[in-house]
Amino acid sequence: MQKQLTKSCQASLKAINADLETTDKKINDLIQQDARLKELFEWITSVPGVGSATATELIVATNEFKDITDPKKLACHAGVAPFAYSSGSSVRGKTRVNQHARLRLKSLFHLGAMSARRTTRLL
């Protein structure tokens, strides 16, 4: 029974991986066909630690940088900009990031930063 389940799961995983590869190719083709997308993609991926997944998510999240043009707004949207909780002169608690942020983008920024940190150490 376990061998049958393993075989079934492996077949499903192969199908999912094939679908992912097809989708990635379609996304890359779409980016290469549009001059503006291609330019944005090249700018974003020129940053150390930023790959195609982060670049694609960033382009989608900002609507090709049309909706979010200010870096501070992007940091707030991604949930990487901390804010102090205060009321007048009193400060209530530690500074924290917004919990309503786009968590996928925040995660990709974190992974990109860790990758950039690792590569700059080697230099």
PDB file of N, CA and C in Angstrom:
ATOM      1  N   MET A   1       0.826  -1.194   0.000  1.00  0.00           N
ATOM      2  CA  MET A   1       0.000   0.000   0.000  1.00  0.00           C
ATOM      3  C   MET A   1       0.875   1.265   0.000  1.00  0.00           C
ATOM      4  N   GLN A   2       1.939   1.229   0.805  1.00  0.00           N
ATOM      5  CA  GLN A   2       2.823   2.394   0.896  1.00  0.00           C
ATOM      6  C   GLN A   2       3.527   2.647  -0.437  1.00  0.00           C
ATOM      7  N   LYS A   3       3.906   1.599  -1.142  1.00  0.00           N
ATOM      8  CA  LYS A   3       4.562   1.754  -2.434  1.00  0.00           C
ATOM      9  C   LYS A   3       3.620   2.382  -3.451  1.00  0.00           C
ATOM     10  N   GLN A   4       2.354   1.997  -3.414  1.00  0.00           N
ATOM     11  CA  GLN A   4       1.362   2.570  -4.322  1.00  0.00           C
ATOM     12  C   GLN A   4       1.163   4.052  -4.029  1.00  0.00           C
ATOM     13  N   LEU A   5       1.089   4.406  -2.757  1.00  0.00           N
ATOM     14  CA  LEU A   5       0.927   5.814  -2.373  1.00  0.00           C
ATOM     15  C   LEU A   5       2.145   6.632  -2.782  1.00  0.00           C
ATOM     16  N   THR A   6       3.329   6.057  -2.577  1.00  0.00           N
ATOM     17  CA  THR A   6       4.557   6.749  -2.962  1.00  0.00           C
ATOM     18  C   THR A   6       4.595   6.970  -4.463  1.00  0.00           C
ATOM     19  N   LYS A   7       4.213   5.965  -5.234  1.00  0.00           N
ATOM     20  CA  LYS A   7       4.186   6.073  -6.689  1.00  0.00           C
ATOM     21  C   LYS A   7       3.186   7.137  -7.128  1.00  0.00           C
ATOM     22  N   SER A   8       2.034   7.137  -6.502  1.00  0.00           N
ATOM     23  CA  SER A   8       0.991   8.117  -6.826  1.00  0.00           C
ATOM     24  C   SER A   8       1.453   9.530  -6.498  1.00  0.00           C
ATOM     25  N   CYS A   9       2.086   9.709  -5.351  1.00  0.00           N
ATOM     26  CA  CYS A   9       2.587  11.034  -4.954  1.00  0.00           C
ATOM     27  C   CYS A   9       3.700  11.502  -5.883  1.00  0.00           C
ATOM     28  N   GLN A  10       4.573  10.605  -6.279  1.00  0.00           N
ATOM     29  CA  GLN A  10       5.660  10.974  -7.181  1.00  0.00           C
ATOM     30  C   GLN A  10       5.119  11.408  -8.535  1.00  0.00           C
ATOM     31  N   ALA A  11       4.086  10.729  -9.012  1.00  0.00           N
ATOM     32  CA  ALA A  11       3.473  11.115 -10.285  1.00  0.00           C
ATOM     33  C   ALA A  11       2.830  12.496 -10.162  1.00  0.00           C
ATOM     34  N   SER A  12       2.183  12.760  -9.042  1.00  0.00           N
ATOM     35  CA  SER A  12       1.570  14.070  -8.814  1.00  0.00           C
ATOM     36  C   SER A  12       2.628  15.165  -8.734  1.00  0.00           C
ATOM     37  N   LEU A  13       3.726  14.874  -8.039  1.00  0.00           N
ATOM     38  CA  LEU A  13       4.806  15.845  -7.925  1.00  0.00           C
ATOM     39  C   LEU A  13       5.437  16.153  -9.282  1.00  0.00           C
ATOM     40  N   LYS A  14       5.603  15.133 -10.110  1.00  0.00           N
ATOM     41  CA  LYS A  14       6.152  15.348 -11.445  1.00  0.00           C
ATOM     42  C   LYS A  14       5.229  16.236 -12.268  1.00  0.00           C
ATOM     43  N   ALA A  15       3.927  16.008 -12.152  1.00  0.00           N
ATOM     44  CA  ALA A  15       2.958  16.819 -12.896  1.00  0.00           C
ATOM     45  C   ALA A  15       2.967  18.271 -12.406  1.00  0.00           C
ATOM     46  N   ILE A  16       3.049  18.450 -11.099  1.00  0.00           N
ATOM     47  CA  ILE A  16       3.087  19.804 -10.536  1.00  0.00           C
ATOM     48  C   ILE A  16       4.359  20.513 -10.964  1.00  0.00           C
ATOM     49  N   ASN A  17       5.492  19.832 -10.910  1.00  0.00           N
ATOM     50  CA  ASN A  17       6.766  20.431 -11.339  1.00  0.00           C
ATOM     51  C   ASN A  17       6.738  20.797 -12.821  1.00  0.00           C
ATOM     52  N   ALA A  18       6.128  19.954 -13.637  1.00  0.00           N
ATOM     53  CA  ALA A  18       6.004  20.254 -15.065  1.00  0.00           C
ATOM     54  C   ALA A  18       5.143  21.496 -15.270  1.00  0.00           C
ATOM     55  N   ASP A  19       4.041  21.601 -14.506  1.00  0.00           N
ATOM     56  CA  ASP A  19       3.181  22.788 -14.586  1.00  0.00           C
ATOM     57  C   ASP A  19       3.929  24.044 -14.153  1.00  0.00           C
ATOM     58  N   LEU A  20       4.745  23.931 -13.101  1.00  0.00           N
ATOM     59  CA  LEU A  20       5.529  25.075 -12.637  1.00  0.00           C
ATOM     60  C   LEU A  20       6.531  25.534 -13.691  1.00  0.00           C
ATOM     61  N   GLU A  21       7.201  24.577 -14.311  1.00  0.00           N
ATOM     62  CA  GLU A  21       8.160  24.930 -15.361  1.00  0.00           C
ATOM     63  C   GLU A  21       7.470  25.607 -16.536  1.00  0.00           C
ATOM     64  N   THR A  22       6.305  25.100 -16.921  1.00  0.00           N
ATOM     65  CA  THR A  22       5.540  25.698 -18.018  1.00  0.00           C
ATOM     66  C   THR A  22       5.121  27.118 -17.670  1.00  0.00           C
ATOM     67  N   THR A  23       4.647  27.319 -16.446  1.00  0.00           N
ATOM     68  CA  THR A  23       4.225  28.641 -16.010  1.00  0.00           C
ATOM     69  C   THR A  23       5.404  29.604 -15.956  1.00  0.00           C
ATOM     70  N   ASP A  24       6.541  29.141 -15.451  1.00  0.00           N
ATOM     71  CA  ASP A  24       7.740  29.987 -15.413  1.00  0.00           C
ATOM     72  C   ASP A  24       8.171  30.403 -16.818  1.00  0.00           C
ATOM     73  N   LYS A  25       8.107  29.475 -17.759  1.00  0.00           N
ATOM     74  CA  LYS A  25       8.469  29.798 -19.148  1.00  0.00           C
ATOM     75  C   LYS A  25       7.521  30.836 -19.729  1.00  0.00           C
ATOM     76  N   LYS A  26       6.219  30.691 -19.432  1.00  0.00           N
ATOM     77  CA  LYS A  26       5.235  31.651 -19.939  1.00  0.00           C
ATOM     78  C   LYS A  26       5.465  33.041 -19.346  1.00  0.00           C
ATOM     79  N   ILE A  27       5.781  33.093 -18.059  1.00  0.00           N
ATOM     80  CA  ILE A  27       6.059  34.381 -17.407  1.00  0.00           C
ATOM     81  C   ILE A  27       7.302  35.018 -18.024  1.00  0.00           C
ATOM     82  N   ASN A  28       8.357  34.225 -18.206  1.00  0.00           N
ATOM     83  CA  ASN A  28       9.582  34.749 -18.812  1.00  0.00           C
ATOM     84  C   ASN A  28       9.350  35.219 -20.247  1.00  0.00           C
ATOM     85  N   ASP A  29       8.542  34.462 -21.010  1.00  0.00           N
ATOM     86  CA  ASP A  29       8.220  34.886 -22.379  1.00  0.00           C
ATOM     87  C   ASP A  29       7.460  36.202 -22.381  1.00  0.00           C
ATOM     88  N   LEU A  30       6.518  36.337 -21.461  1.00  0.00           N
ATOM     89  CA  LEU A  30       5.746  37.575 -21.351  1.00  0.00           C
ATOM     90  C   LEU A  30       6.651  38.756 -21.011  1.00  0.00           C
ATOM     91  N   ILE A  31       7.576  38.544 -20.101  1.00  0.00           N
ATOM     92  CA  ILE A  31       8.510  39.605 -19.713  1.00  0.00           C
ATOM     93  C   ILE A  31       9.405  39.974 -20.887  1.00  0.00           C
ATOM     94  N   GLN A  32       9.887  39.001 -21.619  1.00  0.00           N
ATOM     95  CA  GLN A  32      10.794  39.278 -22.742  1.00  0.00           C
ATOM     96  C   GLN A  32      10.087  39.963 -23.910  1.00  0.00           C
ATOM     97  N   GLN A  33       8.784  39.742 -24.062  1.00  0.00           N
ATOM     98  CA  GLN A  33       8.035  40.344 -25.162  1.00  0.00           C
ATOM     99  C   GLN A  33       7.718  41.813 -24.930  1.00  0.00           C
ATOM    100  N   ASP A  34       7.558  42.216 -23.685  1.00  0.00           N
ATOM    101  CA  ASP A  34       7.199  43.600 -23.361  1.00  0.00           C
ATOM    102  C   ASP A  34       8.465  44.367 -22.990  1.00  0.00           C
ATOM    103  N   ALA A  35       8.754  45.445 -23.703  1.00  0.00           N
ATOM    104  CA  ALA A  35       9.990  46.205 -23.473  1.00  0.00           C
ATOM    105  C   ALA A  35      10.033  46.805 -22.072  1.00  0.00           C
ATOM    106  N   ARG A  36       8.916  47.345 -21.600  1.00  0.00           N
ATOM    107  CA  ARG A  36       8.871  47.963 -20.267  1.00  0.00           C
ATOM    108  C   ARG A  36       9.104  46.917 -19.179  1.00  0.00           C
ATOM    109  N   LEU A  37       8.423  45.775 -19.286  1.00  0.00           N
ATOM    110  CA  LEU A  37       8.604  44.709 -18.302  1.00  0.00           C
ATOM    111  C   LEU A  37      10.038  44.191 -18.311  1.00  0.00           C
ATOM    112  N   LYS A  38      10.593  44.054 -19.496  1.00  0.00           N
ATOM    113  CA  LYS A  38      11.965  43.563 -19.617  1.00  0.00           C
ATOM    114  C   LYS A  38      12.942  44.522 -18.941  1.00  0.00           C
ATOM    115  N   GLU A  39      12.739  45.822 -19.150  1.00  0.00           N
ATOM    116  CA  GLU A  39      13.604  46.834 -18.544  1.00  0.00           C
ATOM    117  C   GLU A  39      13.479  46.817 -17.020  1.00  0.00           C
ATOM    118  N   LEU A  40      12.240  46.772 -16.506  1.00  0.00           N
ATOM    119  CA  LEU A  40      12.031  46.716 -15.061  1.00  0.00           C
ATOM    120  C   LEU A  40      12.656  45.457 -14.470  1.00  0.00           C
ATOM    121  N   PHE A  41      12.449  44.339 -15.138  1.00  0.00           N
ATOM    122  CA  PHE A  41      12.979  43.066 -14.668  1.00  0.00           C
ATOM    123  C   PHE A  41      14.502  43.096 -14.590  1.00  0.00           C
ATOM    124  N   GLU A  42      15.140  43.670 -15.593  1.00  0.00           N
ATOM    125  CA  GLU A  42      16.598  43.765 -15.593  1.00  0.00           C
ATOM    126  C   GLU A  42      17.094  44.687 -14.486  1.00  0.00           C
ATOM    127  N   TRP A  43      16.400  45.806 -14.258  1.00  0.00           N
ATOM    128  CA  TRP A  43      16.793  46.720 -13.172  1.00  0.00           C
ATOM    129  C   TRP A  43      16.698  46.023 -11.823  1.00  0.00           C
ATOM    130  N   ILE A  44      15.589  45.348 -11.604  1.00  0.00           N
ATOM    131  CA  ILE A  44      15.361  44.727 -10.301  1.00  0.00           C
ATOM    132  C   ILE A  44      16.350  43.588 -10.059  1.00  0.00           C
ATOM    133  N   THR A  45      16.567  42.755 -11.065  1.00  0.00           N
ATOM    134  CA  THR A  45      17.463  41.615 -10.873  1.00  0.00           C
ATOM    135  C   THR A  45      18.933  42.025 -10.856  1.00  0.00           C
ATOM    136  N   SER A  46      19.233  43.277 -11.188  1.00  0.00           N
ATOM    137  CA  SER A  46      20.621  43.728 -11.095  1.00  0.00           C
ATOM    138  C   SER A  46      21.049  43.951  -9.645  1.00  0.00           C
ATOM    139  N   VAL A  47      20.098  44.001  -8.724  1.00  0.00           N
ATOM    140  CA  VAL A  47      20.398  44.158  -7.303  1.00  0.00           C
ATOM    141  C   VAL A  47      20.892  42.821  -6.758  1.00  0.00           C
ATOM    142  N   PRO A  48      22.023  42.806  -6.044  1.00  0.00           N
ATOM    143  CA  PRO A  48      22.521  41.546  -5.491  1.00  0.00           C
ATOM    144  C   PRO A  48      21.497  40.909  -4.553  1.00  0.00           C
ATOM    145  N   GLY A  49      21.275  39.616  -4.711  1.00  0.00           N
ATOM    146  CA  GLY A  49      20.349  38.884  -3.857  1.00  0.00           C
ATOM    147  C   GLY A  49      18.924  38.839  -4.372  1.00  0.00           C
ATOM    148  N   VAL A  50      18.631  39.554  -5.456  1.00  0.00           N
ATOM    149  CA  VAL A  50      17.274  39.583  -5.989  1.00  0.00           C
ATOM    150  C   VAL A  50      17.223  38.724  -7.242  1.00  0.00           C
ATOM    151  N   GLY A  51      16.349  37.731  -7.205  1.00  0.00           N
ATOM    152  CA  GLY A  51      16.201  36.830  -8.336  1.00  0.00           C
ATOM    153  C   GLY A  51      14.912  37.061  -9.089  1.00  0.00           C
ATOM    154  N   SER A  52      14.590  36.117  -9.932  1.00  0.00           N
ATOM    155  CA  SER A  52      13.418  36.277 -10.790  1.00  0.00           C
ATOM    156  C   SER A  52      12.104  36.220 -10.007  1.00  0.00           C
ATOM    157  N   ALA A  53      12.038  35.399  -8.963  1.00  0.00           N
ATOM    158  CA  ALA A  53      10.801  35.307  -8.174  1.00  0.00           C
ATOM    159  C   ALA A  53      10.504  36.638  -7.480  1.00  0.00           C
ATOM    160  N   THR A  54      11.508  37.235  -6.870  1.00  0.00           N
ATOM    161  CA  THR A  54      11.339  38.515  -6.193  1.00  0.00           C
ATOM    162  C   THR A  54      11.004  39.608  -7.192  1.00  0.00           C
ATOM    163  N   ALA A  55      11.690  39.613  -8.322  1.00  0.00           N
ATOM    164  CA  ALA A  55      11.439  40.644  -9.335  1.00  0.00           C
ATOM    165  C   ALA A  55      10.018  40.544  -9.872  1.00  0.00           C
ATOM    166  N   THR A  56       9.574  39.334 -10.161  1.00  0.00           N
ATOM    167  CA  THR A  56       8.219  39.142 -10.675  1.00  0.00           C
ATOM    168  C   THR A  56       7.180  39.569  -9.651  1.00  0.00           C
ATOM    169  N   GLU A  57       7.361  39.160  -8.406  1.00  0.00           N
ATOM    170  CA  GLU A  57       6.417  39.531  -7.346  1.00  0.00           C
ATOM    171  C   GLU A  57       6.383  41.045  -7.141  1.00  0.00           C
ATOM    172  N   LEU A  58       7.533  41.680  -7.218  1.00  0.00           N
ATOM    173  CA  LEU A  58       7.619  43.126  -7.039  1.00  0.00           C
ATOM    174  C   LEU A  58       6.913  43.868  -8.173  1.00  0.00           C
ATOM    175  N   ILE A  59       7.092  43.397  -9.389  1.00  0.00           N
ATOM    176  CA  ILE A  59       6.422  44.023 -10.535  1.00  0.00           C
ATOM    177  C   ILE A  59       4.910  43.861 -10.424  1.00  0.00           C
ATOM    178  N   VAL A  60       4.456  42.685  -9.999  1.00  0.00           N
ATOM    179  CA  VAL A  60       3.023  42.443  -9.849  1.00  0.00           C
ATOM    180  C   VAL A  60       2.458  43.261  -8.692  1.00  0.00           C
ATOM    181  N   ALA A  61       3.170  43.298  -7.560  1.00  0.00           N
ATOM    182  CA  ALA A  61       2.673  44.000  -6.369  1.00  0.00           C
ATOM    183  C   ALA A  61       2.545  45.500  -6.587  1.00  0.00           C
ATOM    184  N   THR A  62       3.401  46.058  -7.407  1.00  0.00           N
ATOM    185  CA  THR A  62       3.391  47.507  -7.621  1.00  0.00           C
ATOM    186  C   THR A  62       2.711  47.903  -8.925  1.00  0.00           C
ATOM    187  N   ASN A  63       2.176  46.908  -9.653  1.00  0.00           N
ATOM    188  CA  ASN A  63       1.568  47.164 -10.960  1.00  0.00           C
ATOM    189  C   ASN A  63       2.551  47.899 -11.863  1.00  0.00           C
ATOM    190  N   GLU A  64       3.710  47.288 -12.000  1.00  0.00           N
ATOM    191  CA  GLU A  64       4.814  47.832 -12.809  1.00  0.00           C
ATOM    192  C   GLU A  64       5.265  49.198 -12.285  1.00  0.00           C
ATOM    193  N   PHE A  65       5.257  49.367 -10.988  1.00  0.00           N
ATOM    194  CA  PHE A  65       5.653  50.604 -10.302  1.00  0.00           C
ATOM    195  C   PHE A  65       4.768  51.784 -10.686  1.00  0.00           C
ATOM    196  N   LYS A  66       3.527  51.504 -11.057  1.00  0.00           N
ATOM    197  CA  LYS A  66       2.568  52.566 -11.345  1.00  0.00           C
ATOM    198  C   LYS A  66       1.765  52.925 -10.104  1.00  0.00           C
ATOM    199  N   ASP A  67       1.392  51.928  -9.304  1.00  0.00           N
ATOM    200  CA  ASP A  67       0.591  52.175  -8.102  1.00  0.00           C
ATOM    201  C   ASP A  67       1.442  52.637  -6.927  1.00  0.00           C
ATOM    202  N   ILE A  68       2.612  52.058  -6.782  1.00  0.00           N
ATOM    203  CA  ILE A  68       3.501  52.410  -5.675  1.00  0.00           C
ATOM    204  C   ILE A  68       4.796  52.927  -6.284  1.00  0.00           C
ATOM    205  N   THR A  69       5.015  54.238  -6.169  1.00  0.00           N
ATOM    206  CA  THR A  69       6.220  54.836  -6.742  1.00  0.00           C
ATOM    207  C   THR A  69       7.197  55.294  -5.669  1.00  0.00           C
ATOM    208  N   ASP A  70       6.732  55.451  -4.442  1.00  0.00           N
ATOM    209  CA  ASP A  70       7.568  55.932  -3.348  1.00  0.00           C
ATOM    210  C   ASP A  70       8.200  54.747  -2.607  1.00  0.00           C
ATOM    211  N   PRO A  71       9.511  54.759  -2.380  1.00  0.00           N
ATOM    212  CA  PRO A  71      10.155  53.652  -1.665  1.00  0.00           C
ATOM    213  C   PRO A  71       9.596  53.437  -0.257  1.00  0.00           C
ATOM    214  N   LYS A  72       9.220  54.511   0.421  1.00  0.00           N
ATOM    215  CA  LYS A  72       8.660  54.370   1.768  1.00  0.00           C
ATOM    216  C   LYS A  72       7.315  53.651   1.739  1.00  0.00           C
ATOM    217  N   LYS A  73       6.506  53.952   0.734  1.00  0.00           N
ATOM    218  CA  LYS A  73       5.219  53.282   0.609  1.00  0.00           C
ATOM    219  C   LYS A  73       5.410  51.802   0.289  1.00  0.00           C
ATOM    220  N   LEU A  74       6.408  51.499  -0.531  1.00  0.00           N
ATOM    221  CA  LEU A  74       6.700  50.095  -0.848  1.00  0.00           C
ATOM    222  C   LEU A  74       7.162  49.356   0.405  1.00  0.00           C
ATOM    223  N   ALA A  75       7.988  49.992   1.219  1.00  0.00           N
ATOM    224  CA  ALA A  75       8.452  49.370   2.462  1.00  0.00           C
ATOM    225  C   ALA A  75       7.274  49.106   3.403  1.00  0.00           C
ATOM    226  N   CYS A  76       6.329  50.033   3.471  1.00  0.00           N
ATOM    227  CA  CYS A  76       5.135  49.830   4.295  1.00  0.00           C
ATOM    228  C   CYS A  76       4.278  48.703   3.729  1.00  0.00           C
ATOM    229  N   HIS A  77       4.106  48.689   2.418  1.00  0.00           N
ATOM    230  CA  HIS A  77       3.293  47.670   1.758  1.00  0.00           C
ATOM    231  C   HIS A  77       3.885  46.280   1.971  1.00  0.00           C
ATOM    232  N   ALA A  78       5.197  46.191   1.942  1.00  0.00           N
ATOM    233  CA  ALA A  78       5.868  44.899   2.122  1.00  0.00           C
ATOM    234  C   ALA A  78       6.007  44.521   3.600  1.00  0.00           C
ATOM    235  N   GLY A  79       5.778  45.475   4.500  1.00  0.00           N
ATOM    236  CA  GLY A  79       5.859  45.170   5.927  1.00  0.00           C
ATOM    237  C   GLY A  79       7.265  45.136   6.461  1.00  0.00           C
ATOM    238  N   VAL A  80       8.168  45.925   5.883  1.00  0.00           N
ATOM    239  CA  VAL A  80       9.535  45.963   6.376  1.00  0.00           C
ATOM    240  C   VAL A  80       9.875  47.292   7.048  1.00  0.00           C
ATOM    241  N   ALA A  81       8.913  48.215   7.107  1.00  0.00           N
ATOM    242  CA  ALA A  81       9.138  49.513   7.741  1.00  0.00           C
ATOM    243  C   ALA A  81       8.501  49.504   9.133  1.00  0.00           C
ATOM    244  N   PRO A  82       9.314  49.601  10.189  1.00  0.00           N
ATOM    245  CA  PRO A  82       8.756  49.583  11.545  1.00  0.00           C
ATOM    246  C   PRO A  82       8.157  50.933  11.929  1.00  0.00           C
ATOM    247  N   PHE A  83       7.105  50.880  12.741  1.00  0.00           N
ATOM    248  CA  PHE A  83       6.450  52.080  13.247  1.00  0.00           C
ATOM    249  C   PHE A  83       6.358  51.989  14.764  1.00  0.00           C
ATOM    250  N   ALA A  84       6.524  53.134  15.422  1.00  0.00           N
ATOM    251  CA  ALA A  84       6.392  53.188  16.877  1.00  0.00           C
ATOM    252  C   ALA A  84       4.920  53.354  17.231  1.00  0.00           C
ATOM    253  N   TYR A  85       4.490  52.652  18.278  1.00  0.00           N
ATOM    254  CA  TYR A  85       3.141  52.830  18.789  1.00  0.00           C
ATOM    255  C   TYR A  85       3.184  53.956  19.802  1.00  0.00           C
ATOM    256  N   SER A  86       2.555  55.073  19.482  1.00  0.00           N
ATOM    257  CA  SER A  86       2.596  56.201  20.402  1.00  0.00           C
ATOM    258  C   SER A  86       1.262  56.929  20.393  1.00  0.00           C
ATOM    259  N   SER A  87       1.020  57.628  21.478  1.00  0.00           N
ATOM    260  CA  SER A  87      -0.168  58.448  21.617  1.00  0.00           C
ATOM    261  C   SER A  87       0.268  59.745  22.273  1.00  0.00           C
ATOM    262  N   GLY A  88       0.442  60.777  21.487  1.00  0.00           N
ATOM    263  CA  GLY A  88       0.929  62.036  22.047  1.00  0.00           C
ATOM    264  C   GLY A  88       2.370  61.913  22.453  1.00  0.00           C
ATOM    265  N   SER A  89       2.623  62.118  23.733  1.00  0.00           N
ATOM    266  CA  SER A  89       4.000  62.064  24.216  1.00  0.00           C
ATOM    267  C   SER A  89       4.381  60.686  24.756  1.00  0.00           C
ATOM    268  N   SER A  90       3.394  59.813  24.956  1.00  0.00           N
ATOM    269  CA  SER A  90       3.706  58.494  25.499  1.00  0.00           C
ATOM    270  C   SER A  90       3.980  57.508  24.369  1.00  0.00           C
ATOM    271  N   VAL A  91       4.892  56.603  24.642  1.00  0.00           N
ATOM    272  CA  VAL A  91       5.228  55.558  23.683  1.00  0.00           C
ATOM    273  C   VAL A  91       4.739  54.242  24.272  1.00  0.00           C
ATOM    274  N   ARG A  92       3.889  53.546  23.522  1.00  0.00           N
ATOM    275  CA  ARG A  92       3.311  52.302  24.020  1.00  0.00           C
ATOM    276  C   ARG A  92       3.937  51.112  23.305  1.00  0.00           C
ATOM    277  N   GLY A  93       4.913  50.501  23.880  1.00  0.00           N
ATOM    278  CA  GLY A  93       5.485  49.280  23.334  1.00  0.00           C
ATOM    279  C   GLY A  93       6.614  49.531  22.349  1.00  0.00           C
ATOM    280  N   LYS A  94       7.080  48.446  21.792  1.00  0.00           N
ATOM    281  CA  LYS A  94       8.193  48.477  20.855  1.00  0.00           C
ATOM    282  C   LYS A  94       7.721  48.914  19.473  1.00  0.00           C
ATOM    283  N   THR A  95       8.680  49.269  18.642  1.00  0.00           N
ATOM    284  CA  THR A  95       8.342  49.539  17.251  1.00  0.00           C
ATOM    285  C   THR A  95       8.096  48.205  16.556  1.00  0.00           C
ATOM    286  N   ARG A  96       7.083  48.174  15.719  1.00  0.00           N
ATOM    287  CA  ARG A  96       6.710  46.940  15.035  1.00  0.00           C
ATOM    288  C   ARG A  96       6.330  47.234  13.603  1.00  0.00           C
ATOM    289  N   VAL A  97       6.319  46.178  12.809  1.00  0.00           N
ATOM    290  CA  VAL A  97       5.908  46.321  11.414  1.00  0.00           C
ATOM    291  C   VAL A  97       4.413  46.050  11.314  1.00  0.00           C
ATOM    292  N   ASN A  98       3.820  46.512  10.229  1.00  0.00           N
ATOM    293  CA  ASN A  98       2.395  46.347   9.995  1.00  0.00           C
ATOM    294  C   ASN A  98       2.063  44.878   9.754  1.00  0.00           C
ATOM    295  N   GLN A  99       1.041  44.386  10.431  1.00  0.00           N
ATOM    296  CA  GLN A  99       0.645  42.993  10.280  1.00  0.00           C
ATOM    297  C   GLN A  99      -0.197  42.763   9.031  1.00  0.00           C
ATOM    298  N   HIS A 100      -0.645  43.833   8.378  1.00  0.00           N
ATOM    299  CA  HIS A 100      -1.475  43.717   7.179  1.00  0.00           C
ATOM    300  C   HIS A 100      -0.632  43.841   5.912  1.00  0.00           C
ATOM    301  N   ALA A 101       0.610  43.522   6.011  1.00  0.00           N
ATOM    302  CA  ALA A 101       1.541  43.661   4.891  1.00  0.00           C
ATOM    303  C   ALA A 101       1.388  42.489   3.928  1.00  0.00           C
ATOM    304  N   ARG A 102       1.991  42.644   2.789  1.00  0.00           N
ATOM    305  CA  ARG A 102       2.027  41.567   1.796  1.00  0.00           C
ATOM    306  C   ARG A 102       3.142  40.613   2.213  1.00  0.00           C
ATOM    307  N   LEU A 103       2.771  39.528   2.863  1.00  0.00           N
ATOM    308  CA  LEU A 103       3.732  38.643   3.504  1.00  0.00           C
ATOM    309  C   LEU A 103       4.648  37.933   2.505  1.00  0.00           C
ATOM    310  N   ARG A 104       4.153  37.619   1.334  1.00  0.00           N
ATOM    311  CA  ARG A 104       5.000  36.965   0.315  1.00  0.00           C
ATOM    312  C   ARG A 104       6.129  37.897  -0.094  1.00  0.00           C
ATOM    313  N   LEU A 105       5.802  39.167  -0.291  1.00  0.00           N
ATOM    314  CA  LEU A 105       6.816  40.145  -0.675  1.00  0.00           C
ATOM    315  C   LEU A 105       7.824  40.353   0.455  1.00  0.00           C
ATOM    316  N   LYS A 106       7.322  40.395   1.673  1.00  0.00           N
ATOM    317  CA  LYS A 106       8.208  40.550   2.832  1.00  0.00           C
ATOM    318  C   LYS A 106       9.170  39.363   2.933  1.00  0.00           C
ATOM    319  N   SER A 107       8.648  38.176   2.729  1.00  0.00           N
ATOM    320  CA  SER A 107       9.483  36.977   2.784  1.00  0.00           C
ATOM    321  C   SER A 107      10.543  36.987   1.687  1.00  0.00           C
ATOM    322  N   LEU A 108      10.156  37.388   0.482  1.00  0.00           N
ATOM    323  CA  LEU A 108      11.120  37.436  -0.615  1.00  0.00           C
ATOM    324  C   LEU A 108      12.192  38.494  -0.373  1.00  0.00           C
ATOM    325  N   PHE A 109      11.806  39.631   0.197  1.00  0.00           N
ATOM    326  CA  PHE A 109      12.799  40.666   0.534  1.00  0.00           C
ATOM    327  C   PHE A 109      13.779  40.131   1.577  1.00  0.00           C
ATOM    328  N   HIS A 110      13.255  39.424   2.562  1.00  0.00           N
ATOM    329  CA  HIS A 110      14.117  38.865   3.607  1.00  0.00           C
ATOM    330  C   HIS A 110      15.109  37.862   3.016  1.00  0.00           C
ATOM    331  N   LEU A 111      14.607  36.958   2.177  1.00  0.00           N
ATOM    332  CA  LEU A 111      15.486  35.961   1.570  1.00  0.00           C
ATOM    333  C   LEU A 111      16.517  36.613   0.659  1.00  0.00           C
ATOM    334  N   GLY A 112      16.105  37.656  -0.063  1.00  0.00           N
ATOM    335  CA  GLY A 112      17.043  38.375  -0.917  1.00  0.00           C
ATOM    336  C   GLY A 112      18.129  39.066  -0.106  1.00  0.00           C
ATOM    337  N   ALA A 113      17.736  39.645   1.022  1.00  0.00           N
ATOM    338  CA  ALA A 113      18.710  40.314   1.890  1.00  0.00           C
ATOM    339  C   ALA A 113      19.701  39.309   2.473  1.00  0.00           C
ATOM    340  N   MET A 114      19.205  38.156   2.863  1.00  0.00           N
ATOM    341  CA  MET A 114      20.094  37.128   3.403  1.00  0.00           C
ATOM    342  C   MET A 114      21.053  36.619   2.327  1.00  0.00           C
ATOM    343  N   SER A 115      20.557  36.470   1.117  1.00  0.00           N
ATOM    344  CA  SER A 115      21.404  36.027   0.008  1.00  0.00           C
ATOM    345  C   SER A 115      22.467  37.074  -0.315  1.00  0.00           C
ATOM    346  N   ALA A 116      22.067  38.341  -0.333  1.00  0.00           N
ATOM    347  CA  ALA A 116      23.022  39.419  -0.611  1.00  0.00           C
ATOM    348  C   ALA A 116      24.075  39.493   0.489  1.00  0.00           C
ATOM    349  N   ARG A 117      23.649  39.312   1.709  1.00  0.00           N
ATOM    350  CA  ARG A 117      24.591  39.345   2.833  1.00  0.00           C
ATOM    351  C   ARG A 117      25.613  38.221   2.725  1.00  0.00           C
ATOM    352  N   ARG A 118      25.145  37.057   2.338  1.00  0.00           N
ATOM    353  CA  ARG A 118      26.040  35.909   2.204  1.00  0.00           C
ATOM    354  C   ARG A 118      27.050  36.122   1.070  1.00  0.00           C
ATOM    355  N   THR A 119      26.591  36.655  -0.053  1.00  0.00           N
ATOM    356  CA  THR A 119      27.489  36.854  -1.193  1.00  0.00           C
ATOM    357  C   THR A 119      28.481  37.990  -0.965  1.00  0.00           C
ATOM    358  N   THR A 120      28.083  39.013  -0.222  1.00  0.00           N
ATOM    359  CA  THR A 120      29.019  40.121   0.025  1.00  0.00           C
ATOM    360  C   THR A 120      30.068  39.727   1.051  1.00  0.00           C
ATOM    361  N   ARG A 121      29.778  38.780   1.902  1.00  0.00           N
ATOM    362  CA  ARG A 121      30.788  38.300   2.848  1.00  0.00           C
ATOM    363  C   ARG A 121      31.922  37.601   2.127  1.00  0.00           C
ATOM    364  N   LEU A 122      31.586  36.930   1.046  1.00  0.00           N
ATOM    365  CA  LEU A 122      32.592  36.159   0.320  1.00  0.00           C
ATOM    366  C   LEU A 122      33.545  37.049  -0.448  1.00  0.00           C
ATOM    367  N   LEU A 123      33.125  38.269  -0.756  1.00  0.00           N
ATOM    368  CA  LEU A 123      33.981  39.152  -1.547  1.00  0.00           C
ATOM    369  C   LEU A 123      35.089  39.752  -0.778  1.00  0.00           C
TER     370      LEU A 123
END
